[in-house]
PDB file of all heavy atoms in Angstrom:
ATOM      1  N   HIS A   1      32.313 141.545 206.338  1.00  0.00           N
ATOM      2  CA  HIS A   1      31.741 140.212 206.163  1.00  0.00           C
ATOM      3  C   HIS A   1      32.825 139.144 206.111  1.00  0.00           C
ATOM      4  O   HIS A   1      32.601 138.002 206.547  1.00  0.00           O
ATOM      5  CB  HIS A   1      30.896 140.181 204.892  1.00  0.00           C
ATOM      6  CG  HIS A   1      29.788 139.183 204.935  1.00  0.00           C
ATOM      7  ND1 HIS A   1      29.774 138.049 204.167  1.00  0.00           N
ATOM      8  CD2 HIS A   1      28.653 139.144 205.681  1.00  0.00           C
ATOM      9  CE1 HIS A   1      28.682 137.354 204.425  1.00  0.00           C
ATOM     10  NE2 HIS A   1      27.975 137.996 205.330  1.00  0.00           N
ATOM     11  N   LEU A   2      34.009 139.487 205.591  1.00  0.00           N
ATOM     12  CA  LEU A   2      35.107 138.525 205.496  1.00  0.00           C
ATOM     13  C   LEU A   2      36.127 138.688 206.622  1.00  0.00           C
ATOM     14  O   LEU A   2      37.170 138.046 206.618  1.00  0.00           O
ATOM     15  CB  LEU A   2      35.806 138.657 204.143  1.00  0.00           C
ATOM     16  CG  LEU A   2      34.949 138.350 202.916  1.00  0.00           C
ATOM     17  CD1 LEU A   2      35.756 138.547 201.639  1.00  0.00           C
ATOM     18  CD2 LEU A   2      34.391 136.932 202.980  1.00  0.00           C
ATOM     19  N   LYS A   3      35.825 139.602 207.579  1.00  0.00           N
ATOM     20  CA  LYS A   3      36.704 139.860 208.729  1.00  0.00           C
ATOM     21  C   LYS A   3      38.115 140.251 208.263  1.00  0.00           C
ATOM     22  O   LYS A   3      39.124 139.656 208.653  1.00  0.00           O
ATOM     23  CB  LYS A   3      36.750 138.663 209.668  1.00  0.00           C
ATOM     24  CG  LYS A   3      35.387 138.270 210.214  1.00  0.00           C
ATOM     25  CD  LYS A   3      35.483 137.219 211.288  1.00  0.00           C
ATOM     26  CE  LYS A   3      34.113 136.747 211.751  1.00  0.00           C
ATOM     27  NZ  LYS A   3      33.149 137.799 211.999  1.00  0.00           N
ATOM     28  N   MET A   4      38.159 141.276 207.430  1.00  0.00           N
ATOM     29  CA  MET A   4      39.420 141.777 206.890  1.00  0.00           C
ATOM     30  C   MET A   4      39.615 143.228 207.324  1.00  0.00           C
ATOM     31  O   MET A   4      38.649 143.952 207.569  1.00  0.00           O
ATOM     32  CB  MET A   4      39.421 141.687 205.359  1.00  0.00           C
ATOM     33  CG  MET A   4      39.158 140.292 204.819  1.00  0.00           C
ATOM     34  SD  MET A   4      38.921 140.257 203.029  1.00  0.00           S
ATOM     35  CE  MET A   4      40.615 140.500 202.473  1.00  0.00           C
ATOM     36  N   SER A   5      40.878 143.649 207.431  1.00  0.00           N
ATOM     37  CA  SER A   5      41.198 145.042 207.689  1.00  0.00           C
ATOM     38  C   SER A   5      41.265 145.806 206.373  1.00  0.00           C
ATOM     39  O   SER A   5      41.468 145.219 205.304  1.00  0.00           O
ATOM     40  CB  SER A   5      42.536 145.158 208.425  1.00  0.00           C
ATOM     41  OG  SER A   5      42.490 144.483 209.666  1.00  0.00           O
ATOM     42  N   ILE A   6      41.112 147.137 206.458  1.00  0.00           N
ATOM     43  CA  ILE A   6      41.200 147.985 205.279  1.00  0.00           C
ATOM     44  C   ILE A   6      42.410 148.908 205.428  1.00  0.00           C
ATOM     45  O   ILE A   6      42.562 149.588 206.450  1.00  0.00           O
ATOM     46  CB  ILE A   6      39.925 148.837 205.092  1.00  0.00           C
ATOM     47  CG1 ILE A   6      38.707 147.935 204.868  1.00  0.00           C
ATOM     48  CG2 ILE A   6      40.085 149.793 203.914  1.00  0.00           C
ATOM     49  CD1 ILE A   6      37.397 148.706 204.737  1.00  0.00           C
ATOM     50  N   TYR A   7      43.261 148.928 204.417  1.00  0.00           N
ATOM     51  CA  TYR A   7      44.392 149.842 204.357  1.00  0.00           C
ATOM     52  C   TYR A   7      44.104 150.855 203.249  1.00  0.00           C
ATOM     53  O   TYR A   7      44.070 150.500 202.073  1.00  0.00           O
ATOM     54  CB  TYR A   7      45.683 149.083 204.064  1.00  0.00           C
ATOM     55  CG  TYR A   7      46.176 148.237 205.223  1.00  0.00           C
ATOM     56  CD1 TYR A   7      45.562 147.027 205.543  1.00  0.00           C
ATOM     57  CD2 TYR A   7      47.248 148.657 206.010  1.00  0.00           C
ATOM     58  CE1 TYR A   7      45.998 146.257 206.609  1.00  0.00           C
ATOM     59  CE2 TYR A   7      47.695 147.893 207.076  1.00  0.00           C
ATOM     60  CZ  TYR A   7      47.068 146.698 207.368  1.00  0.00           C
ATOM     61  OH  TYR A   7      47.506 145.941 208.428  1.00  0.00           O
ATOM     62  N   VAL A   8      43.863 152.108 203.644  1.00  0.00           N
ATOM     63  CA  VAL A   8      43.525 153.161 202.686  1.00  0.00           C
ATOM     64  C   VAL A   8      44.825 153.831 202.242  1.00  0.00           C
ATOM     65  O   VAL A   8      45.528 154.439 203.054  1.00  0.00           O
ATOM     66  CB  VAL A   8      42.576 154.196 203.314  1.00  0.00           C
ATOM     67  CG1 VAL A   8      42.180 155.250 202.274  1.00  0.00           C
ATOM     68  CG2 VAL A   8      41.334 153.507 203.872  1.00  0.00           C
ATOM     69  N   LEU A   9      45.133 153.708 200.961  1.00  0.00           N
ATOM     70  CA  LEU A   9      46.404 154.198 200.435  1.00  0.00           C
ATOM     71  C   LEU A   9      46.218 155.568 199.793  1.00  0.00           C
ATOM     72  O   LEU A   9      45.484 155.714 198.811  1.00  0.00           O
ATOM     73  CB  LEU A   9      46.967 153.212 199.415  1.00  0.00           C
ATOM     74  CG  LEU A   9      48.305 153.584 198.763  1.00  0.00           C
ATOM     75  CD1 LEU A   9      49.400 153.694 199.823  1.00  0.00           C
ATOM     76  CD2 LEU A   9      48.690 152.552 197.709  1.00  0.00           C
ATOM     77  N   ASN A  10      46.885 156.564 200.361  1.00  0.00           N
ATOM     78  CA  ASN A  10      46.909 157.911 199.790  1.00  0.00           C
ATOM     79  C   ASN A  10      48.162 158.027 198.929  1.00  0.00           C
ATOM     80  O   ASN A  10      49.270 158.163 199.430  1.00  0.00           O
ATOM     81  CB  ASN A  10      46.919 158.949 200.914  1.00  0.00           C
ATOM     82  CG  ASN A  10      46.926 160.374 200.389  1.00  0.00           C
ATOM     83  OD1 ASN A  10      46.984 160.619 199.180  1.00  0.00           O
ATOM     84  ND2 ASN A  10      46.865 161.334 201.294  1.00  0.00           N
ATOM     85  N   LEU A  11      47.979 157.965 197.618  1.00  0.00           N
ATOM     86  CA  LEU A  11      49.127 157.987 196.710  1.00  0.00           C
ATOM     87  C   LEU A  11      49.828 159.334 196.692  1.00  0.00           C
ATOM     88  O   LEU A  11      50.982 159.425 196.276  1.00  0.00           O
ATOM     89  CB  LEU A  11      48.664 157.628 195.296  1.00  0.00           C
ATOM     90  CG  LEU A  11      48.074 156.225 195.115  1.00  0.00           C
ATOM     91  CD1 LEU A  11      47.564 156.045 193.689  1.00  0.00           C
ATOM     92  CD2 LEU A  11      49.097 155.156 195.440  1.00  0.00           C
ATOM     93  N   GLY A  12      49.157 160.383 197.153  1.00  0.00           N
ATOM     94  CA  GLY A  12      49.743 161.717 197.108  1.00  0.00           C
ATOM     95  C   GLY A  12      50.919 161.908 198.032  1.00  0.00           C
ATOM     96  O   GLY A  12      51.698 162.854 197.849  1.00  0.00           O
ATOM     97  N   ILE A  13      51.075 161.057 199.047  1.00  0.00           N
ATOM     98  CA  ILE A  13      52.204 161.203 199.971  1.00  0.00           C
ATOM     99  C   ILE A  13      53.145 160.006 199.873  1.00  0.00           C
ATOM    100  O   ILE A  13      53.807 159.643 200.837  1.00  0.00           O
ATOM    101  CB  ILE A  13      51.727 161.403 201.420  1.00  0.00           C
ATOM    102  CG1 ILE A  13      50.836 160.223 201.869  1.00  0.00           C
ATOM    103  CG2 ILE A  13      50.978 162.710 201.577  1.00  0.00           C
ATOM    104  CD1 ILE A  13      50.478 160.280 203.349  1.00  0.00           C
ATOM    105  N   CYS A  14      53.178 159.385 198.686  1.00  0.00           N
ATOM    106  CA  CYS A  14      54.067 158.243 198.463  1.00  0.00           C
ATOM    107  C   CYS A  14      55.092 158.581 197.389  1.00  0.00           C
ATOM    108  O   CYS A  14      54.878 159.476 196.568  1.00  0.00           O
ATOM    109  CB  CYS A  14      53.271 157.015 197.994  1.00  0.00           C
ATOM    110  SG  CYS A  14      52.175 156.317 199.232  1.00  0.00           S
ATOM    111  N   ASN A  15      56.192 157.867 197.396  1.00  0.00           N
ATOM    112  CA  ASN A  15      57.124 157.883 196.273  1.00  0.00           C
ATOM    113  C   ASN A  15      57.569 156.454 195.989  1.00  0.00           C
ATOM    114  O   ASN A  15      57.143 155.513 196.646  1.00  0.00           O
ATOM    115  CB  ASN A  15      58.313 158.816 196.540  1.00  0.00           C
ATOM    116  CG  ASN A  15      59.174 158.359 197.702  1.00  0.00           C
ATOM    117  OD1 ASN A  15      58.988 157.268 198.237  1.00  0.00           O
ATOM    118  ND2 ASN A  15      60.107 159.196 198.104  1.00  0.00           N
ATOM    119  N   ASP A  16      58.423 156.287 195.005  1.00  0.00           N
ATOM    120  CA  ASP A  16      58.817 154.940 194.592  1.00  0.00           C
ATOM    121  C   ASP A  16      59.592 154.191 195.665  1.00  0.00           C
ATOM    122  O   ASP A  16      59.633 152.957 195.660  1.00  0.00           O
ATOM    123  CB  ASP A  16      59.662 155.013 193.315  1.00  0.00           C
ATOM    124  CG  ASP A  16      58.836 155.419 192.096  1.00  0.00           C
ATOM    125  OD1 ASP A  16      57.607 155.505 192.231  1.00  0.00           O
ATOM    126  OD2 ASP A  16      59.420 155.660 191.028  1.00  0.00           O
ATOM    127  N   ALA A  17      60.225 154.914 196.594  1.00  0.00           N
ATOM    128  CA  ALA A  17      60.970 154.258 197.667  1.00  0.00           C
ATOM    129  C   ALA A  17      60.063 153.889 198.834  1.00  0.00           C
ATOM    130  O   ALA A  17      60.240 152.850 199.472  1.00  0.00           O
ATOM    131  CB  ALA A  17      62.103 155.168 198.144  1.00  0.00           C
ATOM    132  N   VAL A  18      59.076 154.728 199.120  1.00  0.00           N
ATOM    133  CA  VAL A  18      58.204 154.520 200.272  1.00  0.00           C
ATOM    134  C   VAL A  18      57.166 153.440 200.014  1.00  0.00           C
ATOM    135  O   VAL A  18      56.882 152.605 200.888  1.00  0.00           O
ATOM    136  CB  VAL A  18      57.513 155.849 200.654  1.00  0.00           C
ATOM    137  CG1 VAL A  18      56.365 155.620 201.628  1.00  0.00           C
ATOM    138  CG2 VAL A  18      58.517 156.827 201.232  1.00  0.00           C
ATOM    139  N   LEU A  19      56.576 153.424 198.817  1.00  0.00           N
ATOM    140  CA  LEU A  19      55.447 152.541 198.548  1.00  0.00           C
ATOM    141  C   LEU A  19      55.766 151.056 198.738  1.00  0.00           C
ATOM    142  O   LEU A  19      54.962 150.328 199.339  1.00  0.00           O
ATOM    143  CB  LEU A  19      54.915 152.800 197.136  1.00  0.00           C
ATOM    144  CG  LEU A  19      53.584 152.131 196.779  1.00  0.00           C
ATOM    145  CD1 LEU A  19      52.509 152.457 197.813  1.00  0.00           C
ATOM    146  CD2 LEU A  19      53.128 152.555 195.395  1.00  0.00           C
ATOM    147  N   PRO A  20      56.909 150.526 198.269  1.00  0.00           N
ATOM    148  CA  PRO A  20      57.197 149.106 198.528  1.00  0.00           C
ATOM    149  C   PRO A  20      57.266 148.780 200.014  1.00  0.00           C
ATOM    150  O   PRO A  20      56.837 147.697 200.437  1.00  0.00           O
ATOM    151  CB  PRO A  20      58.550 148.895 197.842  1.00  0.00           C
ATOM    152  CG  PRO A  20      58.611 149.949 196.788  1.00  0.00           C
ATOM    153  CD  PRO A  20      57.929 151.135 197.381  1.00  0.00           C
ATOM    154  N   GLU A  21      57.803 149.698 200.810  1.00  0.00           N
ATOM    155  CA  GLU A  21      57.882 149.473 202.256  1.00  0.00           C
ATOM    156  C   GLU A  21      56.485 149.414 202.871  1.00  0.00           C
ATOM    157  O   GLU A  21      56.203 148.582 203.740  1.00  0.00           O
ATOM    158  CB  GLU A  21      58.705 150.585 202.902  1.00  0.00           C
ATOM    159  CG  GLU A  21      58.939 150.408 204.382  1.00  0.00           C
ATOM    160  CD  GLU A  21      59.829 151.477 204.976  1.00  0.00           C
ATOM    161  OE1 GLU A  21      60.471 152.217 204.204  1.00  0.00           O
ATOM    162  OE2 GLU A  21      59.880 151.579 206.215  1.00  0.00           O
ATOM    163  N   LEU A  22      55.603 150.300 202.415  1.00  0.00           N
ATOM    164  CA  LEU A  22      54.229 150.279 202.902  1.00  0.00           C
ATOM    165  C   LEU A  22      53.535 148.970 202.535  1.00  0.00           C
ATOM    166  O   LEU A  22      52.873 148.338 203.366  1.00  0.00           O
ATOM    167  CB  LEU A  22      53.444 151.450 202.317  1.00  0.00           C
ATOM    168  CG  LEU A  22      53.719 152.833 202.887  1.00  0.00           C
ATOM    169  CD1 LEU A  22      53.041 153.901 202.029  1.00  0.00           C
ATOM    170  CD2 LEU A  22      53.233 152.937 204.324  1.00  0.00           C
ATOM    171  N   MET A  23      53.693 148.544 201.290  1.00  0.00           N
ATOM    172  CA  MET A  23      53.023 147.334 200.824  1.00  0.00           C
ATOM    173  C   MET A  23      53.492 146.101 201.583  1.00  0.00           C
ATOM    174  O   MET A  23      52.706 145.197 201.886  1.00  0.00           O
ATOM    175  CB  MET A  23      53.258 147.153 199.330  1.00  0.00           C
ATOM    176  CG  MET A  23      52.624 148.231 198.461  1.00  0.00           C
ATOM    177  SD  MET A  23      50.824 148.165 198.433  1.00  0.00           S
ATOM    178  CE  MET A  23      50.558 146.681 197.471  1.00  0.00           C
ATOM    179  N   SER A  24      54.773 146.060 201.906  1.00  0.00           N
ATOM    180  CA  SER A  24      55.318 144.878 202.586  1.00  0.00           C
ATOM    181  C   SER A  24      54.812 144.744 204.014  1.00  0.00           C
ATOM    182  O   SER A  24      54.886 143.660 204.600  1.00  0.00           O
ATOM    183  CB  SER A  24      56.852 144.930 202.579  1.00  0.00           C
ATOM    184  OG  SER A  24      57.311 146.019 203.366  1.00  0.00           O
ATOM    185  N   SER A  25      54.307 145.832 204.595  1.00  0.00           N
ATOM    186  CA  SER A  25      53.858 145.799 205.988  1.00  0.00           C
ATOM    187  C   SER A  25      52.351 145.580 206.124  1.00  0.00           C
ATOM    188  O   SER A  25      51.823 145.630 207.231  1.00  0.00           O
ATOM    189  CB  SER A  25      54.252 147.099 206.702  1.00  0.00           C
ATOM    190  OG  SER A  25      53.662 148.222 206.075  1.00  0.00           O
ATOM    191  N   ILE A  26      51.653 145.341 205.008  1.00  0.00           N
ATOM    192  CA  ILE A  26      50.224 145.048 205.074  1.00  0.00           C
ATOM    193  C   ILE A  26      50.033 143.600 205.515  1.00  0.00           C
ATOM    194  O   ILE A  26      50.706 142.698 205.029  1.00  0.00           O
ATOM    195  CB  ILE A  26      49.552 145.278 203.703  1.00  0.00           C
ATOM    196  CG1 ILE A  26      49.672 146.748 203.292  1.00  0.00           C
ATOM    197  CG2 ILE A  26      48.087 144.869 203.742  1.00  0.00           C
ATOM    198  CD1 ILE A  26      49.110 147.033 201.908  1.00  0.00           C
ATOM    199  N   GLU A  27      49.103 143.374 206.422  1.00  0.00           N
ATOM    200  CA  GLU A  27      48.861 142.023 206.914  1.00  0.00           C
ATOM    201  C   GLU A  27      48.149 141.184 205.855  1.00  0.00           C
ATOM    202  O   GLU A  27      47.544 141.708 204.906  1.00  0.00           O
ATOM    203  CB  GLU A  27      47.993 142.083 208.177  1.00  0.00           C
ATOM    204  CG  GLU A  27      46.604 142.651 207.942  1.00  0.00           C
ATOM    205  CD  GLU A  27      45.822 142.853 209.223  1.00  0.00           C
ATOM    206  OE1 GLU A  27      46.314 143.577 210.104  1.00  0.00           O
ATOM    207  OE2 GLU A  27      44.724 142.295 209.325  1.00  0.00           O
ATOM    208  N   ASP A  28      48.229 139.861 206.008  1.00  0.00           N
ATOM    209  CA  ASP A  28      47.453 138.970 205.147  1.00  0.00           C
ATOM    210  C   ASP A  28      45.964 139.181 205.392  1.00  0.00           C
ATOM    211  O   ASP A  28      45.557 139.691 206.432  1.00  0.00           O
ATOM    212  CB  ASP A  28      47.814 137.511 205.421  1.00  0.00           C
ATOM    213  CG  ASP A  28      49.145 137.128 204.796  1.00  0.00           C
ATOM    214  OD1 ASP A  28      49.623 137.870 203.929  1.00  0.00           O
ATOM    215  OD2 ASP A  28      49.703 136.084 205.185  1.00  0.00           O
ATOM    216  N   ARG A  29      45.158 138.749 204.420  1.00  0.00           N
ATOM    217  CA  ARG A  29      43.704 138.879 204.533  1.00  0.00           C
ATOM    218  C   ARG A  29      43.304 140.331 204.796  1.00  0.00           C
ATOM    219  O   ARG A  29      42.583 140.646 205.738  1.00  0.00           O
ATOM    220  CB  ARG A  29      43.151 137.977 205.642  1.00  0.00           C
ATOM    221  CG  ARG A  29      43.349 136.500 205.397  1.00  0.00           C
ATOM    222  CD  ARG A  29      42.828 135.700 206.569  1.00  0.00           C
ATOM    223  NE  ARG A  29      41.432 136.010 206.837  1.00  0.00           N
ATOM    224  CZ  ARG A  29      40.385 135.399 206.271  1.00  0.00           C
ATOM    225  NH1 ARG A  29      40.605 134.439 205.391  1.00  0.00           N
ATOM    226  NH2 ARG A  29      39.158 135.732 206.577  1.00  0.00           N
ATOM    227  N   ALA A  30      43.794 141.205 203.950  1.00  0.00           N
ATOM    228  CA  ALA A  30      43.480 142.630 204.074  1.00  0.00           C
ATOM    229  C   ALA A  30      43.062 143.171 202.716  1.00  0.00           C
ATOM    230  O   ALA A  30      43.359 142.590 201.667  1.00  0.00           O
ATOM    231  CB  ALA A  30      44.672 143.408 204.616  1.00  0.00           C
ATOM    232  N   ILE A  31      42.368 144.305 202.761  1.00  0.00           N
ATOM    233  CA  ILE A  31      41.963 145.004 201.550  1.00  0.00           C
ATOM    234  C   ILE A  31      42.776 146.282 201.442  1.00  0.00           C
ATOM    235  O   ILE A  31      42.839 147.065 202.394  1.00  0.00           O
ATOM    236  CB  ILE A  31      40.461 145.335 201.568  1.00  0.00           C
ATOM    237  CG1 ILE A  31      39.631 144.053 201.466  1.00  0.00           C
ATOM    238  CG2 ILE A  31      40.089 146.279 200.431  1.00  0.00           C
ATOM    239  CD1 ILE A  31      38.126 144.280 201.561  1.00  0.00           C
ATOM    240  N   LEU A  32      43.423 146.480 200.302  1.00  0.00           N
ATOM    241  CA  LEU A  32      44.108 147.737 200.012  1.00  0.00           C
ATOM    242  C   LEU A  32      43.155 148.585 199.174  1.00  0.00           C
ATOM    243  O   LEU A  32      42.806 148.215 198.056  1.00  0.00           O
ATOM    244  CB  LEU A  32      45.408 147.480 199.258  1.00  0.00           C
ATOM    245  CG  LEU A  32      46.175 148.742 198.840  1.00  0.00           C
ATOM    246  CD1 LEU A  32      46.739 149.453 200.061  1.00  0.00           C
ATOM    247  CD2 LEU A  32      47.287 148.406 197.858  1.00  0.00           C
ATOM    248  N   LEU A  33      42.738 149.716 199.721  1.00  0.00           N
ATOM    249  CA  LEU A  33      41.751 150.568 199.060  1.00  0.00           C
ATOM    250  C   LEU A  33      42.422 151.825 198.511  1.00  0.00           C
ATOM    251  O   LEU A  33      43.064 152.571 199.256  1.00  0.00           O
ATOM    252  CB  LEU A  33      40.652 150.952 200.053  1.00  0.00           C
ATOM    253  CG  LEU A  33      39.585 151.939 199.549  1.00  0.00           C
ATOM    254  CD1 LEU A  33      38.845 151.373 198.345  1.00  0.00           C
ATOM    255  CD2 LEU A  33      38.608 152.287 200.673  1.00  0.00           C
ATOM    256  N   ILE A  34      42.270 152.043 197.215  1.00  0.00           N
ATOM    257  CA  ILE A  34      42.744 153.273 196.558  1.00  0.00           C
ATOM    258  C   ILE A  34      41.515 153.975 195.996  1.00  0.00           C
ATOM    259  O   ILE A  34      40.946 153.539 194.993  1.00  0.00           O
ATOM    260  CB  ILE A  34      43.753 152.968 195.437  1.00  0.00           C
ATOM    261  CG1 ILE A  34      44.884 152.072 195.944  1.00  0.00           C
ATOM    262  CG2 ILE A  34      44.318 154.265 194.871  1.00  0.00           C
ATOM    263  CD1 ILE A  34      45.872 151.657 194.860  1.00  0.00           C
ATOM    264  N   GLU A  35      41.085 155.033 196.667  1.00  0.00           N
ATOM    265  CA  GLU A  35      39.872 155.732 196.255  1.00  0.00           C
ATOM    266  C   GLU A  35      40.185 156.797 195.215  1.00  0.00           C
ATOM    267  O   GLU A  35      41.260 157.415 195.239  1.00  0.00           O
ATOM    268  CB  GLU A  35      39.182 156.353 197.466  1.00  0.00           C
ATOM    269  CG  GLU A  35      38.694 155.323 198.478  1.00  0.00           C
ATOM    270  CD  GLU A  35      37.827 155.923 199.557  1.00  0.00           C
ATOM    271  OE1 GLU A  35      38.392 156.576 200.464  1.00  0.00           O
ATOM    272  OE2 GLU A  35      36.598 155.750 199.504  1.00  0.00           O
ATOM    273  N   ASP A  36      39.214 157.023 194.324  1.00  0.00           N
ATOM    274  CA  ASP A  36      39.344 158.031 193.262  1.00  0.00           C
ATOM    275  C   ASP A  36      40.680 157.882 192.547  1.00  0.00           C
ATOM    276  O   ASP A  36      41.440 158.847 192.399  1.00  0.00           O
ATOM    277  CB  ASP A  36      39.200 159.442 193.843  1.00  0.00           C
ATOM    278  CG  ASP A  36      37.833 159.655 194.481  1.00  0.00           C
ATOM    279  OD1 ASP A  36      36.829 159.236 193.871  1.00  0.00           O
ATOM    280  OD2 ASP A  36      37.773 160.222 195.585  1.00  0.00           O
TER     281      ASP A  36
END
């Protein structure tokens, strides 16, 4: 409805070094989804 992309984040394959890099590459007007 808001014309946004969804970024589904699997925390199981992340570490403290990888996660900031992933977050910085998310586009504006997006939803970061962390399920369960």
